[in-house]
Amino acid sequence: MATRPTIHDVARRAGVSATTVSHAFSGKGVVSAATRQHVRQVARALGYRPDILAQGLRSNRLGVIALILRPLDDYSDSAPSGVDYFLRFTGAAALTALAAGYGLMLVGDPSQDDGPGAALACDGCLVTEPVSNDPLLDLLYRKEIPTVTVGRDVARAPDDRTVDVQTGPITRMVLDHLSAAGARRVALVTGLAANSWNLDTAEAYRAWCATTSTTPRVVGCREDDGAAAGRHAAAELFEHDQPPDALYCLTGRHTVGVLKYLQDNGIRVPDDVLLVCGSDAEEVRATTPSISAVDLRPESLARVAVTTLINLLAGRDVEPGDDTFGRLAVRESTTRAI
């Protein structure tokens, strides 16, 4: 098997030092244009390609930002808002980074015991839905790696490194919609992860209940238990003498489980109970009836997050994004016949 040419092979063929070859590719040092062109011609003839990773580490600029995926654990998963959200967010983030001259790399959580260290070599990091006192953020901040979060760590004060998902306004939008559709006993089903999506939604829900004289009823269930957790949550809520006439469920799988429980027990949607999901996905669009859901507009979130991170990397002032996140897609589950 042919061996891969090295920087020393290029140096010998070009009649220069290995340092000159390195500078010819990195742009560092004093190398004339003619020498740089000669070295690169020799490198092409030999089939030599520089080690971009090593160059990036030496220059403190790899040209890559990391989108860190969280591992499965007892309370959350790496795509907590559904497959639709994850794919849309990642695609838009990659294109936004590319347009700014950066690549986007999906990496594992380096704060885990066996976590990969690739994120720590990147120019900056994106973290979605951090948990309270997030150990990943502790690590990234300690390493002084520029980091932007989508959603806030509820134990830290938000700053210009935080993209506000606007959870409070989204929650009020959903609850006002349910109220306008005739609901008077609205219940909330959340996940158990200690992130701002769950906690801020519950806080906004209780505040809305206080202003509308609604008795708050919140059931939390594990995200990774999926539809089964939704069924258990619905069973708990409908054991009471005055069951809810509307439910707001934050995850798609929980919502599908709630719908299945209602249908199995002869409770009609939307005639008897209105139902809204907090994150739109194919699984809630494909049900019968189709389920009204919040489109979190992950493309907009991704564009704002990546742009914010690139501004941090460039030392520019970070301007707040002007995108409006969260639009309600009204479907059959909240549309009653007149």
Protein backbone atom coordinates (compact mmCIF):
# COMPACT_ATOMS: atom_id res chain seq x y z
CA MET A 1 0.00 0.00 0.00
CA ALA A 2 1.35 3.43 -0.97
CA THR A 3 2.22 5.66 1.96
CA ARG A 4 0.67 9.07 2.27
CA PRO A 5 3.10 11.90 1.44
CA THR A 6 4.19 13.99 4.39
CA ILE A 7 5.16 17.60 4.85
CA HIS A 8 8.81 16.48 4.83
CA ASP A 9 8.37 14.85 1.40
CA VAL A 10 7.05 18.13 0.04
CA ALA A 11 9.89 20.07 1.66
CA ARG A 12 12.54 17.80 0.11
CA ARG A 13 10.96 17.93 -3.36
CA ALA A 14 10.45 21.70 -3.21
CA GLY A 15 13.90 22.37 -1.79
CA VAL A 16 12.60 24.26 1.24
CA SER A 17 12.20 23.60 4.94
CA ALA A 18 9.17 21.90 6.48
CA THR A 19 8.43 25.17 8.27
CA THR A 20 8.22 26.97 4.92
CA VAL A 21 5.78 24.33 3.65
CA SER A 22 3.66 24.80 6.76
CA HIS A 23 3.66 28.58 6.34
CA ALA A 24 2.80 28.26 2.65
CA PHE A 25 -0.45 26.56 3.61
CA SER A 26 -1.27 28.33 6.86
CA GLY A 27 -0.52 31.88 5.74
CA LYS A 28 1.77 32.42 8.71
CA GLY A 29 5.37 33.49 8.54
CA VAL A 30 7.10 35.34 5.70
CA VAL A 31 6.83 33.36 2.47
CA SER A 32 6.97 35.02 -0.93
CA ALA A 33 4.10 34.54 -3.33
CA ALA A 34 6.39 32.69 -5.76
CA THR A 35 7.60 30.27 -3.06
CA ARG A 36 4.06 29.69 -1.84
CA GLN A 37 2.90 28.89 -5.37
CA HIS A 38 5.89 26.58 -5.94
CA VAL A 39 5.30 24.68 -2.68
CA ARG A 40 1.63 24.20 -3.45
CA GLN A 41 2.37 22.97 -6.96
CA VAL A 42 4.82 20.41 -5.56
CA ALA A 43 2.25 19.37 -2.93
CA ARG A 44 -0.40 18.82 -5.60
CA ALA A 45 1.99 16.78 -7.70
CA LEU A 46 2.78 14.55 -4.71
CA GLY A 47 -0.84 14.30 -3.62
CA TYR A 48 -0.09 15.96 -0.30
CA ARG A 49 -2.87 17.61 1.69
CA PRO A 50 -2.16 19.54 4.91
CA ASP A 51 -3.61 18.39 8.22
CA ILE A 52 -6.41 20.95 8.54
CA LEU A 53 -7.22 19.89 12.10
CA ALA A 54 -3.65 20.35 13.26
CA GLN A 55 -3.43 23.70 11.48
CA GLY A 56 -6.63 24.84 13.16
CA LEU A 57 -5.43 23.83 16.60
CA ARG A 58 -2.14 25.65 16.10
CA SER A 59 -3.83 28.79 14.78
CA ASN A 60 -6.69 28.76 17.30
CA ARG A 61 -9.15 28.80 14.40
CA LEU A 62 -10.45 25.53 13.05
CA GLY A 63 -13.28 27.08 11.02
CA VAL A 64 -15.79 24.74 12.68
CA ILE A 65 -18.51 25.25 15.25
CA ALA A 66 -19.94 22.37 17.24
CA LEU A 67 -23.60 21.50 17.77
CA ILE A 68 -23.49 19.34 20.87
CA LEU A 69 -25.93 16.45 21.09
CA ARG A 70 -26.97 15.40 24.56
CA PRO A 71 -27.03 11.70 25.52
CA LEU A 72 -30.07 9.71 26.53
CA ASP A 73 -30.54 9.76 30.27
CA ASP A 74 -33.31 9.30 32.81
CA TYR A 75 -35.15 12.47 31.93
CA SER A 76 -34.37 13.63 28.43
CA ASP A 77 -33.10 12.66 25.01
CA SER A 78 -30.91 14.18 22.33
CA ALA A 79 -33.88 15.39 20.30
CA PRO A 80 -36.34 16.44 23.03
CA SER A 81 -38.59 18.43 20.75
CA GLY A 82 -39.06 15.73 18.14
CA VAL A 83 -37.34 14.58 14.96
CA ASP A 84 -38.86 17.41 12.90
CA TYR A 85 -37.37 20.03 15.19
CA PHE A 86 -33.93 18.44 15.28
CA LEU A 87 -33.58 17.96 11.53
CA ARG A 88 -34.89 21.43 10.70
CA PHE A 89 -32.67 23.08 13.31
CA THR A 90 -29.54 21.20 12.25
CA GLY A 91 -30.04 21.84 8.54
CA ALA A 92 -30.56 25.58 9.00
CA ALA A 93 -27.63 25.82 11.43
CA ALA A 94 -25.31 24.09 8.94
CA LEU A 95 -26.32 26.37 6.06
CA THR A 96 -26.01 29.51 8.20
CA ALA A 97 -22.56 28.47 9.38
CA LEU A 98 -21.46 27.62 5.84
CA ALA A 99 -22.58 31.04 4.55
CA ALA A 100 -20.37 32.64 7.22
CA GLY A 101 -17.33 30.55 6.30
CA TYR A 102 -17.68 27.91 9.03
CA GLY A 103 -18.51 24.24 9.05
CA LEU A 104 -20.97 22.72 11.51
CA MET A 105 -20.01 19.50 13.31
CA LEU A 106 -22.40 17.36 15.35
CA VAL A 107 -20.55 16.11 18.42
CA GLY A 108 -21.28 14.23 21.61
CA ASP A 109 -21.33 15.79 25.06
CA PRO A 110 -17.70 16.26 26.21
CA SER A 111 -18.78 16.65 29.84
CA GLN A 112 -19.77 12.98 30.02
CA ASP A 113 -17.30 10.49 31.50
CA ASP A 114 -16.57 8.89 28.14
CA GLY A 115 -17.55 11.93 26.07
CA PRO A 116 -15.52 12.86 22.99
CA GLY A 117 -13.30 15.91 23.17
CA ALA A 118 -13.98 17.10 19.60
CA ALA A 119 -16.19 19.97 20.77
CA LEU A 120 -13.33 21.39 22.80
CA ALA A 121 -11.24 21.79 19.63
CA CYS A 122 -13.94 23.74 17.78
CA ASP A 123 -14.05 27.52 17.57
CA GLY A 124 -17.37 27.70 19.41
CA CYS A 125 -20.29 25.59 20.56
CA LEU A 126 -24.08 25.54 20.32
CA VAL A 127 -26.01 23.91 23.16
CA THR A 128 -29.76 23.37 22.92
CA GLU A 129 -32.03 23.27 25.98
CA PRO A 130 -29.43 23.33 28.75
CA VAL A 131 -30.53 21.93 32.10
CA SER A 132 -30.31 23.73 35.43
CA ASN A 133 -26.68 24.16 36.56
CA ASP A 134 -25.66 22.42 33.37
CA PRO A 135 -22.28 20.65 33.78
CA LEU A 136 -21.67 20.97 30.04
CA LEU A 137 -21.86 24.77 30.28
CA ASP A 138 -19.60 24.66 33.33
CA LEU A 139 -17.00 22.84 31.23
CA LEU A 140 -17.29 25.08 28.17
CA TYR A 141 -17.16 28.29 30.18
CA ARG A 142 -14.20 27.00 32.21
CA LYS A 143 -12.37 26.25 28.95
CA GLU A 144 -13.34 29.73 27.73
CA ILE A 145 -14.93 28.30 24.59
CA PRO A 146 -17.43 30.75 23.05
CA THR A 147 -20.83 29.17 23.58
CA VAL A 148 -24.41 30.04 22.70
CA THR A 149 -27.41 28.28 24.21
CA VAL A 150 -30.85 27.87 22.68
CA GLY A 151 -32.98 28.23 25.77
CA ARG A 152 -31.54 29.26 29.10
CA ASP A 153 -29.99 27.48 32.01
CA VAL A 154 -32.64 28.39 34.60
CA ALA A 155 -29.99 28.57 37.36
CA ARG A 156 -28.03 31.27 35.50
CA ALA A 157 -28.95 34.79 34.50
CA PRO A 158 -29.58 35.00 30.74
CA ASP A 159 -27.05 37.05 28.77
CA ASP A 160 -26.07 37.74 25.18
CA ARG A 161 -25.02 34.09 24.81
CA THR A 162 -28.64 32.97 25.26
CA VAL A 163 -31.18 32.73 22.46
CA ASP A 164 -34.61 33.28 24.00
CA VAL A 165 -37.08 30.66 22.75
CA GLN A 166 -39.89 32.90 24.04
CA THR A 167 -41.45 30.10 26.06
CA GLY A 168 -43.67 32.44 28.09
CA PRO A 169 -45.33 34.12 25.07
CA ILE A 170 -45.73 30.75 23.36
CA THR A 171 -47.47 29.32 26.42
CA ARG A 172 -49.85 32.27 26.69
CA MET A 173 -50.61 32.03 22.95
CA VAL A 174 -51.63 28.38 23.32
CA LEU A 175 -53.68 28.92 26.47
CA ASP A 176 -55.49 31.93 25.00
CA HIS A 177 -56.30 29.86 21.92
CA LEU A 178 -57.77 27.09 24.07
CA SER A 179 -59.76 29.59 26.08
CA ALA A 180 -61.13 31.23 22.93
CA ALA A 181 -62.16 27.76 21.71
CA GLY A 182 -64.26 27.30 24.86
CA ALA A 183 -61.90 25.57 27.30
CA ARG A 184 -62.37 26.36 31.00
CA ARG A 185 -60.33 23.61 32.68
CA VAL A 186 -56.95 23.50 30.95
CA ALA A 187 -54.32 21.04 32.18
CA LEU A 188 -50.61 20.90 31.35
CA VAL A 189 -48.43 17.85 30.65
CA THR A 190 -44.67 18.55 30.77
CA GLY A 191 -41.47 16.57 30.67
CA LEU A 192 -39.23 16.12 33.70
CA ALA A 193 -35.95 17.53 32.35
CA ALA A 194 -34.93 20.58 34.40
CA ASN A 195 -34.74 22.82 31.34
CA SER A 196 -36.36 26.15 30.57
CA TRP A 197 -38.86 24.61 28.13
CA ASN A 198 -40.48 22.56 30.88
CA LEU A 199 -39.96 24.92 33.82
CA ASP A 200 -40.77 28.22 32.11
CA THR A 201 -43.86 26.73 30.48
CA ALA A 202 -45.14 25.57 33.87
CA GLU A 203 -44.44 29.00 35.37
CA ALA A 204 -46.23 30.81 32.54
CA TYR A 205 -49.14 28.35 32.77
CA ARG A 206 -49.61 28.97 36.50
CA ALA A 207 -49.45 32.74 35.96
CA TRP A 208 -52.11 32.45 33.25
CA CYS A 209 -54.29 30.34 35.53
CA ALA A 210 -54.04 33.01 38.25
CA THR A 211 -55.28 35.70 35.87
CA THR A 212 -58.13 33.58 34.48
CA SER A 213 -59.33 31.98 37.74
CA THR A 214 -58.36 28.56 36.43
CA THR A 215 -57.27 25.82 38.81
CA PRO A 216 -53.77 24.76 37.68
CA ARG A 217 -53.21 21.07 37.07
CA VAL A 218 -49.75 19.97 35.96
CA VAL A 219 -48.53 16.43 35.37
CA GLY A 220 -44.86 15.78 34.63
CA CYS A 221 -43.64 12.62 32.95
CA ARG A 222 -40.38 11.31 31.57
CA GLU A 223 -39.64 12.34 27.99
CA ASP A 224 -38.06 9.02 27.08
CA ASP A 225 -41.15 7.04 28.16
CA GLY A 226 -42.91 8.40 25.09
CA ALA A 227 -46.55 7.66 24.35
CA ALA A 228 -46.88 5.36 27.38
CA ALA A 229 -46.10 8.32 29.66
CA GLY A 230 -48.75 10.36 27.88
CA ARG A 231 -51.34 7.65 28.53
CA HIS A 232 -50.44 7.56 32.24
CA ALA A 233 -50.63 11.35 32.47
CA ALA A 234 -54.08 11.37 30.89
CA ALA A 235 -55.27 8.61 33.20
CA GLU A 236 -54.13 10.65 36.21
CA LEU A 237 -55.90 13.77 34.98
CA PHE A 238 -59.17 12.06 34.07
CA GLU A 239 -59.58 10.22 37.38
CA HIS A 240 -61.02 13.40 38.93
CA ASP A 241 -64.69 14.35 39.15
CA GLN A 242 -64.04 17.42 37.04
CA PRO A 243 -61.54 16.31 34.41
CA PRO A 244 -59.92 18.87 32.11
CA ASP A 245 -61.65 20.00 28.96
CA ALA A 246 -58.34 20.89 27.31
CA LEU A 247 -54.73 19.69 27.52
CA TYR A 248 -51.47 21.29 26.51
CA CYS A 249 -48.74 18.62 26.13
CA LEU A 250 -45.19 19.75 25.44
CA THR A 251 -43.86 16.73 23.53
CA GLY A 252 -45.28 14.97 20.50
CA ARG A 253 -45.00 11.47 21.90
CA HIS A 254 -46.78 12.42 25.11
CA THR A 255 -49.52 14.08 23.07
CA VAL A 256 -50.03 10.99 20.93
CA GLY A 257 -50.30 8.90 24.10
CA VAL A 258 -52.87 11.29 25.56
CA LEU A 259 -54.94 11.11 22.38
CA LYS A 260 -54.83 7.30 22.41
CA TYR A 261 -56.03 7.22 26.04
CA LEU A 262 -58.91 9.57 25.27
CA GLN A 263 -60.00 7.59 22.23
CA ASP A 264 -59.79 4.26 24.08
CA ASN A 265 -62.04 5.68 26.79
CA GLY A 266 -64.66 7.18 24.50
CA ILE A 267 -63.60 10.80 25.11
CA ARG A 268 -63.95 12.72 21.87
CA VAL A 269 -61.38 15.19 20.53
CA PRO A 270 -62.23 18.02 20.00
CA ASP A 271 -65.90 17.67 21.05
CA ASP A 272 -65.18 16.76 24.68
CA VAL A 273 -61.52 17.74 25.05
CA LEU A 274 -59.26 20.12 23.14
CA LEU A 275 -55.66 19.07 22.60
CA VAL A 276 -52.49 21.01 21.67
CA CYS A 277 -48.89 19.81 21.31
CA GLY A 278 -45.97 22.09 22.20
CA SER A 279 -43.70 20.98 19.34
CA ASP A 280 -44.97 20.23 15.86
CA ALA A 281 -43.91 16.94 14.29
CA GLU A 282 -45.16 14.44 11.75
CA GLU A 283 -46.47 12.19 14.52
CA VAL A 284 -49.05 14.80 15.58
CA ARG A 285 -49.92 15.89 12.04
CA ALA A 286 -50.67 12.29 11.03
CA THR A 287 -53.16 11.46 13.84
CA THR A 288 -56.93 11.38 13.44
CA PRO A 289 -57.97 13.97 14.33
CA SER A 290 -54.85 15.94 13.45
CA ILE A 291 -53.41 17.74 16.47
CA SER A 292 -52.92 21.49 16.73
CA ALA A 293 -49.27 22.19 17.52
CA VAL A 294 -46.69 24.91 18.04
CA ASP A 295 -44.27 25.32 15.18
CA LEU A 296 -41.19 26.46 17.12
CA ARG A 297 -39.65 27.67 13.85
CA PRO A 298 -36.35 25.88 14.45
CA GLU A 299 -34.87 27.33 11.25
CA SER A 300 -35.20 30.82 12.72
CA LEU A 301 -33.80 29.68 16.07
CA ALA A 302 -30.84 28.10 14.30
CA ARG A 303 -30.10 31.19 12.21
CA VAL A 304 -30.18 33.47 15.26
CA ALA A 305 -28.09 31.04 17.35
CA VAL A 306 -25.38 30.56 14.73
CA THR A 307 -25.24 34.27 13.88
CA THR A 308 -24.96 35.10 17.59
CA LEU A 309 -22.09 32.64 18.00
CA ILE A 310 -20.24 33.91 14.93
CA ASN A 311 -20.58 37.48 16.20
CA LEU A 312 -19.04 36.35 19.49
CA LEU A 313 -16.19 34.68 17.64
CA ALA A 314 -15.57 37.81 15.58
CA GLY A 315 -15.65 40.08 18.64
CA ARG A 316 -18.66 41.96 17.33
CA ASP A 317 -21.49 43.27 19.48
CA VAL A 318 -24.26 40.70 19.68
CA GLU A 319 -27.54 42.13 18.50
CA PRO A 320 -30.73 40.38 19.63
CA GLY A 321 -32.47 38.51 16.85
CA ASP A 322 -35.68 40.01 15.53
CA ASP A 323 -37.27 36.71 14.56
CA THR A 324 -40.55 35.77 16.19
CA PHE A 325 -40.47 32.18 17.33
CA GLY A 326 -43.46 29.91 17.90
CA ARG A 327 -46.53 29.93 15.70
CA LEU A 328 -49.62 27.86 16.39
CA ALA A 329 -50.71 25.54 13.59
CA VAL A 330 -54.44 25.13 14.27
CA ARG A 331 -55.80 21.73 13.25
CA GLU A 332 -58.76 19.49 13.98
CA SER A 333 -58.01 18.85 17.68
CA THR A 334 -58.98 22.42 18.62
CA THR A 335 -61.55 23.16 15.92
CA ARG A 336 -65.09 22.46 17.03
CA ALA A 337 -68.04 22.47 14.67
CA ILE A 338 -70.22 25.55 15.05
